[in-house]
PDB file of N, CA and C in Angstrom:
ATOM      1  N   MET A   1      91.945  95.499 108.401  1.00  0.00           N
ATOM      2  CA  MET A   1      92.890  95.278 107.213  1.00  0.00           C
ATOM      3  C   MET A   1      94.223  95.530 108.269  1.00  0.00           C
ATOM      4  N   LYS A   2      94.822  95.942 109.394  1.00  0.00           N
ATOM      5  CA  LYS A   2      95.890  95.271 109.804  1.00  0.00           C
ATOM      6  C   LYS A   2      95.784  93.955 110.460  1.00  0.00           C
ATOM      7  N   PHE A   3      94.755  93.193 110.784  1.00  0.00           N
ATOM      8  CA  PHE A   3      94.493  91.928 111.234  1.00  0.00           C
ATOM      9  C   PHE A   3      94.765  91.190 110.227  1.00  0.00           C
ATOM     10  N   LEU A   4      94.690  91.108 109.142  1.00  0.00           N
ATOM     11  CA  LEU A   4      94.887  91.059 107.596  1.00  0.00           C
ATOM     12  C   LEU A   4      96.317  90.579 107.333  1.00  0.00           C
ATOM     13  N   ILE A   5      97.110  91.408 107.970  1.00  0.00           N
ATOM     14  CA  ILE A   5      98.752  91.714 107.417  1.00  0.00           C
ATOM     15  C   ILE A   5      99.299  90.969 108.876  1.00  0.00           C
ATOM     16  N   ARG A   6      98.791  90.933 109.576  1.00  0.00           N
ATOM     17  CA  ARG A   6      99.400  90.074 111.018  1.00  0.00           C
ATOM     18  C   ARG A   6      99.284  88.695 111.092  1.00  0.00           C
ATOM     19  N   VAL A   7      98.157  88.812 110.040  1.00  0.00           N
ATOM     20  CA  VAL A   7      98.238  87.046 110.157  1.00  0.00           C
ATOM     21  C   VAL A   7      98.619  86.465 108.760  1.00  0.00           C
ATOM     22  N   ALA A   8      98.911  87.302 107.548  1.00  0.00           N
ATOM     23  CA  ALA A   8      99.587  87.051 106.529  1.00  0.00           C
ATOM     24  C   ALA A   8     101.477  87.119 107.080  1.00  0.00           C
ATOM     25  N   VAL A   9     101.923  88.231 107.585  1.00  0.00           N
ATOM     26  CA  VAL A   9     102.882  88.376 108.550  1.00  0.00           C
ATOM     27  C   VAL A   9     103.152  86.699 109.587  1.00  0.00           C
ATOM     28  N   SER A  10     102.541  86.225 109.942  1.00  0.00           N
ATOM     29  CA  SER A  10     102.313  85.017 110.819  1.00  0.00           C
ATOM     30  C   SER A  10     102.610  83.687 109.925  1.00  0.00           C
ATOM     31  N   ALA A  11     101.949  83.746 108.745  1.00  0.00           N
ATOM     32  CA  ALA A  11     101.818  82.364 108.225  1.00  0.00           C
ATOM     33  C   ALA A  11     102.758  82.268 107.398  1.00  0.00           C
ATOM     34  N   ILE A  12     103.455  83.703 107.254  1.00  0.00           N
ATOM     35  CA  ILE A  12     104.366  83.497 106.249  1.00  0.00           C
ATOM     36  C   ILE A  12     106.482  83.020 106.913  1.00  0.00           C
ATOM     37  N   ALA A  13     105.907  83.546 108.403  1.00  0.00           N
ATOM     38  CA  ALA A  13     106.534  83.208 109.552  1.00  0.00           C
ATOM     39  C   ALA A  13     106.256  81.623 109.943  1.00  0.00           C
ATOM     40  N   LEU A  14     105.312  81.883 110.032  1.00  0.00           N
ATOM     41  CA  LEU A  14     104.952  79.638 110.086  1.00  0.00           C
ATOM     42  C   LEU A  14     105.915  78.973 108.860  1.00  0.00           C
ATOM     43  N   TRP A  15     105.657  79.203 107.746  1.00  0.00           N
ATOM     44  CA  TRP A  15     106.555  78.645 106.719  1.00  0.00           C
ATOM     45  C   TRP A  15     107.545  78.260 106.959  1.00  0.00           C
ATOM     46  N   ALA A  16     108.192  79.826 106.927  1.00  0.00           N
ATOM     47  CA  ALA A  16     109.485  80.124 107.206  1.00  0.00           C
ATOM     48  C   ALA A  16     109.905  78.269 108.209  1.00  0.00           C
ATOM     49  N   ALA A  17     109.025  78.653 108.997  1.00  0.00           N
ATOM     50  CA  ALA A  17     109.617  77.577 110.033  1.00  0.00           C
ATOM     51  C   ALA A  17     109.380  76.408 109.494  1.00  0.00           C
ATOM     52  N   THR A  18     108.661  75.692 108.849  1.00  0.00           N
ATOM     53  CA  THR A  18     107.984  74.531 108.282  1.00  0.00           C
ATOM     54  C   THR A  18     109.654  74.199 107.496  1.00  0.00           C
ATOM     55  N   ALA A  19     109.664  75.421 106.404  1.00  0.00           N
ATOM     56  CA  ALA A  19     110.815  74.987 105.496  1.00  0.00           C
ATOM     57  C   ALA A  19     111.898  75.217 106.471  1.00  0.00           C
ATOM     58  N   LEU A  20     112.401  75.619 107.307  1.00  0.00           N
ATOM     59  CA  LEU A  20     114.031  75.309 107.829  1.00  0.00           C
ATOM     60  C   LEU A  20     114.059  74.282 109.125  1.00  0.00           C
ATOM     61  N   VAL A  21     113.024  74.145 109.607  1.00  0.00           N
ATOM     62  CA  VAL A  21     112.908  73.217 110.776  1.00  0.00           C
ATOM     63  C   VAL A  21     112.376  71.534 110.220  1.00  0.00           C
ATOM     64  N   ASP A  22     113.124  70.576 110.470  1.00  0.00           N
ATOM     65  CA  ASP A  22     112.354  69.606 110.836  1.00  0.00           C
ATOM     66  C   ASP A  22     111.921  68.871 111.752  1.00  0.00           C
ATOM     67  N   GLY A  23     110.255  68.677 111.826  1.00  0.00           N
ATOM     68  CA  GLY A  23     109.426  68.776 112.903  1.00  0.00           C
ATOM     69  C   GLY A  23     108.277  69.152 112.944  1.00  0.00           C
ATOM     70  N   VAL A  24     108.544  70.765 111.734  1.00  0.00           N
ATOM     71  CA  VAL A  24     107.511  71.457 112.202  1.00  0.00           C
ATOM     72  C   VAL A  24     107.167  71.414 110.455  1.00  0.00           C
ATOM     73  N   ASP A  25     105.481  70.696 110.199  1.00  0.00           N
ATOM     74  CA  ASP A  25     104.791  70.256 108.875  1.00  0.00           C
ATOM     75  C   ASP A  25     104.104  70.566 108.740  1.00  0.00           C
ATOM     76  N   VAL A  26     103.518  71.822 107.474  1.00  0.00           N
ATOM     77  CA  VAL A  26     102.341  71.195 107.042  1.00  0.00           C
ATOM     78  C   VAL A  26     102.547  70.206 105.921  1.00  0.00           C
ATOM     79  N   THR A  27     101.401  69.063 106.814  1.00  0.00           N
ATOM     80  CA  THR A  27     101.179  67.923 105.470  1.00  0.00           C
ATOM     81  C   THR A  27     100.424  68.263 104.096  1.00  0.00           C
ATOM     82  N   ALA A  28      99.764  68.589 103.854  1.00  0.00           N
ATOM     83  CA  ALA A  28      98.531  69.322 103.023  1.00  0.00           C
ATOM     84  C   ALA A  28      99.101  69.094 101.992  1.00  0.00           C
ATOM     85  N   ALA A  29      98.389  68.677 101.249  1.00  0.00           N
ATOM     86  CA  ALA A  29      99.025  67.903  99.342  1.00  0.00           C
ATOM     87  C   ALA A  29      98.737  68.875  98.298  1.00  0.00           C
ATOM     88  N   SER A  30      97.806  70.355  97.851  1.00  0.00           N
ATOM     89  CA  SER A  30      98.044  71.173  97.162  1.00  0.00           C
ATOM     90  C   SER A  30      98.678  72.672  97.977  1.00  0.00           C
ATOM     91  N   THR A  31      99.618  73.337  96.961  1.00  0.00           N
ATOM     92  CA  THR A  31     100.218  74.365  97.737  1.00  0.00           C
ATOM     93  C   THR A  31      98.883  75.386  98.380  1.00  0.00           C
ATOM     94  N   GLY A  32      97.832  75.178  96.883  1.00  0.00           N
ATOM     95  CA  GLY A  32      96.726  76.010  97.597  1.00  0.00           C
ATOM     96  C   GLY A  32      96.179  75.492  99.159  1.00  0.00           C
ATOM     97  N   ARG A  33      95.329  74.597  99.463  1.00  0.00           N
ATOM     98  CA  ARG A  33      96.074  73.711 100.872  1.00  0.00           C
ATOM     99  C   ARG A  33      96.492  74.199 101.834  1.00  0.00           C
ATOM    100  N   GLN A  34      97.782  74.388 101.519  1.00  0.00           N
ATOM    101  CA  GLN A  34      98.782  74.488 102.042  1.00  0.00           C
ATOM    102  C   GLN A  34      98.929  76.161 102.762  1.00  0.00           C
ATOM    103  N   VAL A  35      98.885  77.501 101.711  1.00  0.00           N
ATOM    104  CA  VAL A  35      98.522  78.255 102.153  1.00  0.00           C
ATOM    105  C   VAL A  35      96.904  78.364 102.867  1.00  0.00           C
ATOM    106  N   LEU A  36      96.498  77.932 102.829  1.00  0.00           N
ATOM    107  CA  LEU A  36      95.347  78.027 103.391  1.00  0.00           C
ATOM    108  C   LEU A  36      95.328  77.845 105.003  1.00  0.00           C
ATOM    109  N   THR A  37      95.652  76.174 104.952  1.00  0.00           N
ATOM    110  CA  THR A  37      96.780  75.476 106.284  1.00  0.00           C
ATOM    111  C   THR A  37      97.720  76.871 107.193  1.00  0.00           C
ATOM    112  N   LEU A  38      98.442  77.405 106.931  1.00  0.00           N
ATOM    113  CA  LEU A  38      99.012  77.917 107.273  1.00  0.00           C
ATOM    114  C   LEU A  38      98.765  79.428 107.544  1.00  0.00           C
ATOM    115  N   LEU A  39      97.440  79.960 106.963  1.00  0.00           N
ATOM    116  CA  LEU A  39      97.093  81.427 107.760  1.00  0.00           C
ATOM    117  C   LEU A  39      95.802  80.696 108.208  1.00  0.00           C
ATOM    118  N   ALA A  40      95.349  79.205 108.360  1.00  0.00           N
ATOM    119  CA  ALA A  40      94.781  79.353 109.409  1.00  0.00           C
ATOM    120  C   ALA A  40      95.491  79.117 110.973  1.00  0.00           C
ATOM    121  N   VAL A  41      95.978  78.497 110.493  1.00  0.00           N
ATOM    122  CA  VAL A  41      97.602  78.178 111.875  1.00  0.00           C
ATOM    123  C   VAL A  41      98.006  79.891 112.702  1.00  0.00           C
ATOM    124  N   ALA A  42      98.072  79.869 111.404  1.00  0.00           N
ATOM    125  CA  ALA A  42      98.146  81.751 112.038  1.00  0.00           C
ATOM    126  C   ALA A  42      97.154  82.190 113.229  1.00  0.00           C
ATOM    127  N   VAL A  43      96.444  82.471 112.675  1.00  0.00           N
ATOM    128  CA  VAL A  43      94.997  83.003 113.407  1.00  0.00           C
ATOM    129  C   VAL A  43      95.395  82.063 114.550  1.00  0.00           C
ATOM    130  N   ILE A  44      94.877  80.725 114.383  1.00  0.00           N
ATOM    131  CA  ILE A  44      95.168  79.995 115.236  1.00  0.00           C
ATOM    132  C   ILE A  44      96.236  80.368 116.599  1.00  0.00           C
ATOM    133  N   PHE A  45      97.669  80.627 116.230  1.00  0.00           N
ATOM    134  CA  PHE A  45      99.025  80.583 116.925  1.00  0.00           C
ATOM    135  C   PHE A  45      98.365  82.444 117.455  1.00  0.00           C
ATOM    136  N   GLY A  46      98.371  83.451 116.731  1.00  0.00           N
ATOM    137  CA  GLY A  46      97.688  84.313 117.137  1.00  0.00           C
ATOM    138  C   GLY A  46      96.928  84.781 118.085  1.00  0.00           C
ATOM    139  N   LEU A  47      95.368  84.237 118.653  1.00  0.00           N
ATOM    140  CA  LEU A  47      94.739  83.814 119.442  1.00  0.00           C
ATOM    141  C   LEU A  47      95.175  82.863 120.731  1.00  0.00           C
ATOM    142  N   VAL A  48      95.916  81.990 120.699  1.00  0.00           N
ATOM    143  CA  VAL A  48      96.708  81.469 121.552  1.00  0.00           C
ATOM    144  C   VAL A  48      97.889  82.664 121.996  1.00  0.00           C
ATOM    145  N   ASN A  49      98.462  83.132 121.282  1.00  0.00           N
ATOM    146  CA  ASN A  49      99.094  84.409 121.895  1.00  0.00           C
ATOM    147  C   ASN A  49      98.563  85.200 122.411  1.00  0.00           C
ATOM    148  N   ALA A  50      97.098  85.968 122.501  1.00  0.00           N
ATOM    149  CA  ALA A  50      97.148  86.803 122.857  1.00  0.00           C
ATOM    150  C   ALA A  50      96.147  86.980 124.387  1.00  0.00           C
ATOM    151  N   PHE A  51      95.351  85.426 124.092  1.00  0.00           N
ATOM    152  CA  PHE A  51      95.118  85.091 125.134  1.00  0.00           C
ATOM    153  C   PHE A  51      95.799  84.120 126.666  1.00  0.00           C
ATOM    154  N   LEU A  52      96.658  83.632 126.192  1.00  0.00           N
ATOM    155  CA  LEU A  52      97.761  82.816 126.659  1.00  0.00           C
ATOM    156  C   LEU A  52      99.063  83.606 127.448  1.00  0.00           C
ATOM    157  N   LYS A  53      99.639  84.240 126.547  1.00  0.00           N
ATOM    158  CA  LYS A  53     100.747  84.826 127.173  1.00  0.00           C
ATOM    159  C   LYS A  53     101.218  85.664 127.611  1.00  0.00           C
ATOM    160  N   PRO A  54      99.777  86.514 128.122  1.00  0.00           N
ATOM    161  CA  PRO A  54      99.661  87.258 129.351  1.00  0.00           C
ATOM    162  C   PRO A  54      99.547  87.349 130.976  1.00  0.00           C
ATOM    163  N   LEU A  55      99.005  86.110 130.089  1.00  0.00           N
ATOM    164  CA  LEU A  55      98.699  85.187 131.979  1.00  0.00           C
ATOM    165  C   LEU A  55     100.250  84.444 132.247  1.00  0.00           C
ATOM    166  N   ILE A  56     100.235  83.912 131.604  1.00  0.00           N
ATOM    167  CA  ILE A  56     102.055  83.121 131.761  1.00  0.00           C
ATOM    168  C   ILE A  56     102.887  84.080 131.479  1.00  0.00           C
ATOM    169  N   GLN A  57     102.966  85.822 131.779  1.00  0.00           N
ATOM    170  CA  GLN A  57     103.902  85.715 131.512  1.00  0.00           C
ATOM    171  C   GLN A  57     103.366  86.451 132.980  1.00  0.00           C
ATOM    172  N   ALA A  58     102.194  87.036 133.609  1.00  0.00           N
ATOM    173  CA  ALA A  58     102.018  87.733 134.710  1.00  0.00           C
ATOM    174  C   ALA A  58     102.740  86.818 135.677  1.00  0.00           C
ATOM    175  N   PHE A  59     102.214  85.391 135.439  1.00  0.00           N
ATOM    176  CA  PHE A  59     102.562  84.118 136.436  1.00  0.00           C
ATOM    177  C   PHE A  59     103.596  83.811 136.845  1.00  0.00           C
ATOM    178  N   GLY A  60     104.784  83.895 135.478  1.00  0.00           N
ATOM    179  CA  GLY A  60     105.655  83.498 135.559  1.00  0.00           C
ATOM    180  C   GLY A  60     107.207  84.277 135.448  1.00  0.00           C
ATOM    181  N   CYS A  61     106.502  85.449 136.061  1.00  0.00           N
ATOM    182  CA  CYS A  61     107.247  87.089 136.051  1.00  0.00           C
ATOM    183  C   CYS A  61     108.948  85.959 136.255  1.00  0.00           C
ATOM    184  N   ALA A  62     108.944  85.873 137.733  1.00  0.00           N
ATOM    185  CA  ALA A  62     110.046  85.463 138.525  1.00  0.00           C
ATOM    186  C   ALA A  62     110.945  84.345 137.013  1.00  0.00           C
ATOM    187  N   PHE A  63     110.528  83.884 136.714  1.00  0.00           N
ATOM    188  CA  PHE A  63     111.148  83.114 135.814  1.00  0.00           C
ATOM    189  C   PHE A  63     112.267  83.572 134.390  1.00  0.00           C
ATOM    190  N   TYR A  64     110.811  85.191 134.104  1.00  0.00           N
ATOM    191  CA  TYR A  64     112.306  85.446 133.665  1.00  0.00           C
ATOM    192  C   TYR A  64     112.617  86.267 134.401  1.00  0.00           C
ATOM    193  N   VAL A  65     112.219  86.922 135.069  1.00  0.00           N
ATOM    194  CA  VAL A  65     113.930  87.361 135.809  1.00  0.00           C
ATOM    195  C   VAL A  65     114.934  86.637 135.698  1.00  0.00           C
ATOM    196  N   LEU A  66     114.675  85.608 136.632  1.00  0.00           N
ATOM    197  CA  LEU A  66     115.583  85.145 136.866  1.00  0.00           C
ATOM    198  C   LEU A  66     116.279  84.292 135.599  1.00  0.00           C
ATOM    199  N   THR A  67     115.849  83.931 134.308  1.00  0.00           N
ATOM    200  CA  THR A  67     116.368  83.225 133.653  1.00  0.00           C
ATOM    201  C   THR A  67     116.607  84.477 132.399  1.00  0.00           C
ATOM    202  N   LEU A  68     116.798  85.674 132.531  1.00  0.00           N
ATOM    203  CA  LEU A  68     116.999  87.140 132.098  1.00  0.00           C
ATOM    204  C   LEU A  68     116.004  87.139 130.726  1.00  0.00           C
ATOM    205  N   GLY A  69     114.982  86.568 130.894  1.00  0.00           N
ATOM    206  CA  GLY A  69     114.106  86.955 129.315  1.00  0.00           C
ATOM    207  C   GLY A  69     114.012  85.592 128.513  1.00  0.00           C
ATOM    208  N   LEU A  70     115.106  84.423 128.981  1.00  0.00           N
ATOM    209  CA  LEU A  70     115.500  83.022 128.243  1.00  0.00           C
ATOM    210  C   LEU A  70     114.173  82.385 128.162  1.00  0.00           C
ATOM    211  N   PHE A  71     113.009  82.669 129.173  1.00  0.00           N
ATOM    212  CA  PHE A  71     112.162  82.120 129.715  1.00  0.00           C
ATOM    213  C   PHE A  71     111.092  81.858 128.572  1.00  0.00           C
ATOM    214  N   ALA A  72     111.583  83.496 127.886  1.00  0.00           N
ATOM    215  CA  ALA A  72     110.649  83.517 126.822  1.00  0.00           C
ATOM    216  C   ALA A  72     110.113  82.382 126.018  1.00  0.00           C
ATOM    217  N   LEU A  73     111.668  82.063 125.741  1.00  0.00           N
ATOM    218  CA  LEU A  73     111.730  81.395 123.958  1.00  0.00           C
ATOM    219  C   LEU A  73     111.241  80.049 124.441  1.00  0.00           C
ATOM    220  N   VAL A  74     111.070  79.291 126.013  1.00  0.00           N
ATOM    221  CA  VAL A  74     110.177  78.385 126.084  1.00  0.00           C
ATOM    222  C   VAL A  74     109.232  78.172 126.415  1.00  0.00           C
ATOM    223  N   VAL A  75     108.524  79.498 126.535  1.00  0.00           N
ATOM    224  CA  VAL A  75     107.356  80.247 126.696  1.00  0.00           C
ATOM    225  C   VAL A  75     106.455  79.668 125.448  1.00  0.00           C
ATOM    226  N   ASN A  76     107.361  80.328 124.247  1.00  0.00           N
ATOM    227  CA  ASN A  76     107.167  80.388 123.057  1.00  0.00           C
ATOM    228  C   ASN A  76     107.331  79.094 122.237  1.00  0.00           C
ATOM    229  N   ALA A  77     107.812  77.646 122.280  1.00  0.00           N
ATOM    230  CA  ALA A  77     108.024  76.678 121.937  1.00  0.00           C
ATOM    231  C   ALA A  77     106.477  75.859 122.448  1.00  0.00           C
ATOM    232  N   ALA A  78     106.514  75.794 123.564  1.00  0.00           N
ATOM    233  CA  ALA A  78     105.180  75.606 124.467  1.00  0.00           C
ATOM    234  C   ALA A  78     104.216  76.248 123.563  1.00  0.00           C
ATOM    235  N   LEU A  79     104.156  77.242 123.181  1.00  0.00           N
ATOM    236  CA  LEU A  79     102.337  78.335 122.671  1.00  0.00           C
ATOM    237  C   LEU A  79     102.202  77.015 121.425  1.00  0.00           C
ATOM    238  N   LEU A  80     103.915  77.142 120.733  1.00  0.00           N
ATOM    239  CA  LEU A  80     103.638  76.503 119.734  1.00  0.00           C
ATOM    240  C   LEU A  80     103.226  75.389 119.446  1.00  0.00           C
ATOM    241  N   VAL A  81     104.032  74.502 120.823  1.00  0.00           N
ATOM    242  CA  VAL A  81     102.680  73.091 120.890  1.00  0.00           C
ATOM    243  C   VAL A  81     101.101  72.914 120.412  1.00  0.00           C
ATOM    244  N   LEU A  82     101.426  74.048 121.793  1.00  0.00           N
ATOM    245  CA  LEU A  82      99.375  74.150 122.407  1.00  0.00           C
ATOM    246  C   LEU A  82      99.256  74.402 120.763  1.00  0.00           C
ATOM    247  N   THR A  83      99.269  75.140 119.413  1.00  0.00           N
ATOM    248  CA  THR A  83      98.777  75.718 118.309  1.00  0.00           C
ATOM    249  C   THR A  83      98.834  74.434 117.525  1.00  0.00           C
ATOM    250  N   SER A  84      99.859  73.613 117.310  1.00  0.00           N
ATOM    251  CA  SER A  84      99.774  72.248 116.958  1.00  0.00           C
ATOM    252  C   SER A  84      98.709  71.475 117.412  1.00  0.00           C
ATOM    253  N   GLY A  85      98.334  70.611 118.256  1.00  0.00           N
ATOM    254  CA  GLY A  85      97.501  70.909 119.027  1.00  0.00           C
ATOM    255  C   GLY A  85      95.939  71.039 118.920  1.00  0.00           C
ATOM    256  N   LEU A  86      96.128  72.234 118.637  1.00  0.00           N
ATOM    257  CA  LEU A  86      94.451  72.773 118.808  1.00  0.00           C
ATOM    258  C   LEU A  86      94.169  72.871 116.970  1.00  0.00           C
ATOM    259  N   ALA A  87      95.611  72.585 116.283  1.00  0.00           N
ATOM    260  CA  ALA A  87      95.244  72.649 114.826  1.00  0.00           C
ATOM    261  C   ALA A  87      94.878  70.837 114.385  1.00  0.00           C
ATOM    262  N   ASN A  88      95.212  70.373 115.485  1.00  0.00           N
ATOM    263  CA  ASN A  88      95.455  68.373 114.773  1.00  0.00           C
ATOM    264  C   ASN A  88      93.838  68.245 115.578  1.00  0.00           C
ATOM    265  N   ALA A  89      93.184  68.948 116.529  1.00  0.00           N
ATOM    266  CA  ALA A  89      92.031  69.304 116.782  1.00  0.00           C
ATOM    267  C   ALA A  89      91.164  68.922 115.577  1.00  0.00           C
ATOM    268  N   LEU A  90      91.542  70.521 115.206  1.00  0.00           N
ATOM    269  CA  LEU A  90      90.548  71.222 113.515  1.00  0.00           C
ATOM    270  C   LEU A  90      90.641  70.487 112.551  1.00  0.00           C
ATOM    271  N   ARG A  91      91.530  69.474 112.749  1.00  0.00           N
ATOM    272  CA  ARG A  91      91.972  68.615 111.624  1.00  0.00           C
ATOM    273  C   ARG A  91      92.897  68.833 110.971  1.00  0.00           C
ATOM    274  N   LEU A  92      93.344  70.082 111.088  1.00  0.00           N
ATOM    275  CA  LEU A  92      94.085  70.955 109.806  1.00  0.00           C
ATOM    276  C   LEU A  92      95.941  70.148 109.928  1.00  0.00           C
ATOM    277  N   PRO A  93      96.325  70.365 108.815  1.00  0.00           N
ATOM    278  CA  PRO A  93      97.604  69.496 108.692  1.00  0.00           C
ATOM    279  C   PRO A  93      98.553  70.078 108.712  1.00  0.00           C
ATOM    280  N   PHE A  94      98.926  70.278 110.275  1.00  0.00           N
ATOM    281  CA  PHE A  94     100.031  71.273 110.635  1.00  0.00           C
ATOM    282  C   PHE A  94     100.409  70.678 111.586  1.00  0.00           C
ATOM    283  N   HIS A  95     101.558  69.765 111.978  1.00  0.00           N
ATOM    284  CA  HIS A  95     102.712  69.127 113.413  1.00  0.00           C
ATOM    285  C   HIS A  95     103.698  69.901 113.666  1.00  0.00           C
ATOM    286  N   VAL A  96     103.753  69.881 115.172  1.00  0.00           N
ATOM    287  CA  VAL A  96     104.721  69.724 115.387  1.00  0.00           C
ATOM    288  C   VAL A  96     105.141  68.923 116.609  1.00  0.00           C
ATOM    289  N   GLU A  97     106.654  68.443 116.300  1.00  0.00           N
ATOM    290  CA  GLU A  97     106.821  66.537 116.780  1.00  0.00           C
ATOM    291  C   GLU A  97     106.951  66.550 118.506  1.00  0.00           C
ATOM    292  N   TRP A  98     107.484  67.500 118.799  1.00  0.00           N
ATOM    293  CA  TRP A  98     108.503  68.140 120.387  1.00  0.00           C
ATOM    294  C   TRP A  98     109.307  69.045 120.366  1.00  0.00           C
ATOM    295  N   PHE A  99     110.042  68.837 121.802  1.00  0.00           N
ATOM    296  CA  PHE A  99     110.013  70.424 122.360  1.00  0.00           C
ATOM    297  C   PHE A  99     110.844  70.902 121.336  1.00  0.00           C
ATOM    298  N   TRP A 100     112.385  70.037 121.249  1.00  0.00           N
ATOM    299  CA  TRP A 100     113.256  70.929 119.722  1.00  0.00           C
ATOM    300  C   TRP A 100     112.701  71.581 118.937  1.00  0.00           C
ATOM    301  N   PRO A 101     112.037  71.121 118.125  1.00  0.00           N
ATOM    302  CA  PRO A 101     111.477  71.447 116.963  1.00  0.00           C
ATOM    303  C   PRO A 101     110.640  72.332 117.340  1.00  0.00           C
ATOM    304  N   ALA A 102     109.930  72.320 117.928  1.00  0.00           N
ATOM    305  CA  ALA A 102     108.719  73.239 118.713  1.00  0.00           C
ATOM    306  C   ALA A 102     110.127  74.902 118.861  1.00  0.00           C
ATOM    307  N   PHE A 103     110.847  74.415 119.533  1.00  0.00           N
ATOM    308  CA  PHE A 103     111.871  75.769 120.546  1.00  0.00           C
ATOM    309  C   PHE A 103     112.402  76.664 118.801  1.00  0.00           C
ATOM    310  N   TRP A 104     112.848  75.866 118.015  1.00  0.00           N
ATOM    311  CA  TRP A 104     113.920  76.531 116.938  1.00  0.00           C
ATOM    312  C   TRP A 104     112.058  77.277 115.747  1.00  0.00           C
ATOM    313  N   GLY A 105     111.241  76.199 115.624  1.00  0.00           N
ATOM    314  CA  GLY A 105     110.540  76.400 114.924  1.00  0.00           C
ATOM    315  C   GLY A 105     109.619  78.297 115.808  1.00  0.00           C
ATOM    316  N   ALA A 106     109.709  78.479 117.049  1.00  0.00           N
ATOM    317  CA  ALA A 106     109.293  79.758 117.792  1.00  0.00           C
ATOM    318  C   ALA A 106     110.030  80.618 117.485  1.00  0.00           C
ATOM    319  N   LEU A 107     111.284  80.394 117.862  1.00  0.00           N
ATOM    320  CA  LEU A 107     112.120  81.287 117.635  1.00  0.00           C
ATOM    321  C   LEU A 107     112.631  81.475 115.653  1.00  0.00           C
ATOM    322  N   ILE A 108     112.575  80.817 115.124  1.00  0.00           N
ATOM    323  CA  ILE A 108     112.194  81.223 113.664  1.00  0.00           C
ATOM    324  C   ILE A 108     111.304  82.401 113.431  1.00  0.00           C
ATOM    325  N   VAL A 109     109.829  81.370 114.184  1.00  0.00           N
ATOM    326  CA  VAL A 109     108.695  82.587 113.769  1.00  0.00           C
ATOM    327  C   VAL A 109     109.044  83.879 114.155  1.00  0.00           C
ATOM    328  N   SER A 110     109.733  83.709 115.789  1.00  0.00           N
ATOM    329  CA  SER A 110     109.946  85.496 116.340  1.00  0.00           C
ATOM    330  C   SER A 110     110.756  86.089 115.565  1.00  0.00           C
ATOM    331  N   VAL A 111     112.023  85.384 115.149  1.00  0.00           N
ATOM    332  CA  VAL A 111     112.999  86.895 114.035  1.00  0.00           C
ATOM    333  C   VAL A 111     111.792  87.272 112.443  1.00  0.00           C
ATOM    334  N   VAL A 112     111.508  85.655 112.121  1.00  0.00           N
ATOM    335  CA  VAL A 112     110.705  86.582 110.666  1.00  0.00           C
ATOM    336  C   VAL A 112     109.678  87.499 110.987  1.00  0.00           C
ATOM    337  N   SER A 113     108.521  87.463 112.365  1.00  0.00           N
ATOM    338  CA  SER A 113     107.784  88.032 112.151  1.00  0.00           C
ATOM    339  C   SER A 113     108.266  89.297 112.515  1.00  0.00           C
ATOM    340  N   TRP A 114     108.970  89.863 113.102  1.00  0.00           N
ATOM    341  CA  TRP A 114     109.842  90.840 113.324  1.00  0.00           C
ATOM    342  C   TRP A 114     110.826  91.238 112.184  1.00  0.00           C
ATOM    343  N   LEU A 115     111.477  90.537 111.533  1.00  0.00           N
ATOM    344  CA  LEU A 115     111.835  91.634 110.372  1.00  0.00           C
ATOM    345  C   LEU A 115     110.535  91.994 109.496  1.00  0.00           C
ATOM    346  N   LEU A 116     109.754  90.784 109.590  1.00  0.00           N
ATOM    347  CA  LEU A 116     108.408  90.850 108.596  1.00  0.00           C
ATOM    348  C   LEU A 116     107.890  92.763 109.077  1.00  0.00           C
ATOM    349  N   ASN A 117     107.267  92.628 110.158  1.00  0.00           N
ATOM    350  CA  ASN A 117     106.930  93.709 110.539  1.00  0.00           C
ATOM    351  C   ASN A 117     107.576  94.958 111.125  1.00  0.00           C
ATOM    352  N   LEU A 118     109.274  94.864 110.976  1.00  0.00           N
ATOM    353  CA  LEU A 118     109.843  96.224 110.757  1.00  0.00           C
ATOM    354  C   LEU A 118     109.869  96.697 109.203  1.00  0.00           C
ATOM    355  N   LEU A 119     109.510  96.162 107.902  1.00  0.00           N
ATOM    356  CA  LEU A 119     108.543  95.813 106.278  1.00  0.00           C
ATOM    357  C   LEU A 119     107.881  97.052 106.318  1.00  0.00           C
ATOM    358  N   VAL A 120     106.390  95.870 107.423  1.00  0.00           N
ATOM    359  CA  VAL A 120     105.217  96.845 106.965  1.00  0.00           C
ATOM    360  C   VAL A 120     104.625  98.019 108.135  1.00  0.00           C
ATOM    361  N   ALA A 121     104.094  98.858 107.484  1.00  0.00           N
ATOM    362  CA  ALA A 121     103.695 100.731 108.329  1.00  0.00           C
ATOM    363  C   ALA A 121     103.186 100.076 109.009  1.00  0.00           C
ATOM    364  N   ASP A 122     102.588 100.803 110.386  1.00  0.00           N
ATOM    365  CA  ASP A 122     102.133 100.521 111.134  1.00  0.00           C
ATOM    366  C   ASP A 122     100.686 101.327 110.903  1.00  0.00           C
ATOM    367  N   ASP A 123     100.662 101.914 109.874  1.00  0.00           N
ATOM    368  CA  ASP A 123      99.277 103.201 109.260  1.00  0.00           C
ATOM    369  C   ASP A 123      98.953 102.622 108.276  1.00  0.00           C
TER     370      ASP A 123
END
C-alpha cells in the first residue's frame, strides 16, 4: 500500500510540474491516458531515484559539500531528464525539453512531493 501511495504522490507532483513548467509535457490525447502516463512515469522516476541517486550522492559527495547541497538540484534535474529518456524509450508520451525545464520541474516535483508526504501518514 505504501508503494501505491508513493507512486500516486509522485504522479501528482509530476502533474504539477507539467502544469507549471513549459518544457515538461505529457502529450497523451485523453485524460485517462495522461493519468496512466503520469503513474508509469512516477514508477520510472522512483526506480531511477532509488538506484542512481545513492550512487551519485556517494561519488559526488564533495560537490554536495562544496555547494552546500545545491548540487542536489542539478542531480534531480539530470534524473528527471533521464526519466524522460526512459519514458520515450518505452513510448510513453512524457517529455522534458532540456536542462532548465528539468531543473524547475525537479524542484516542483520535490516540493510538491514533500508537501503531500507531510499529509500522508506513515502507517
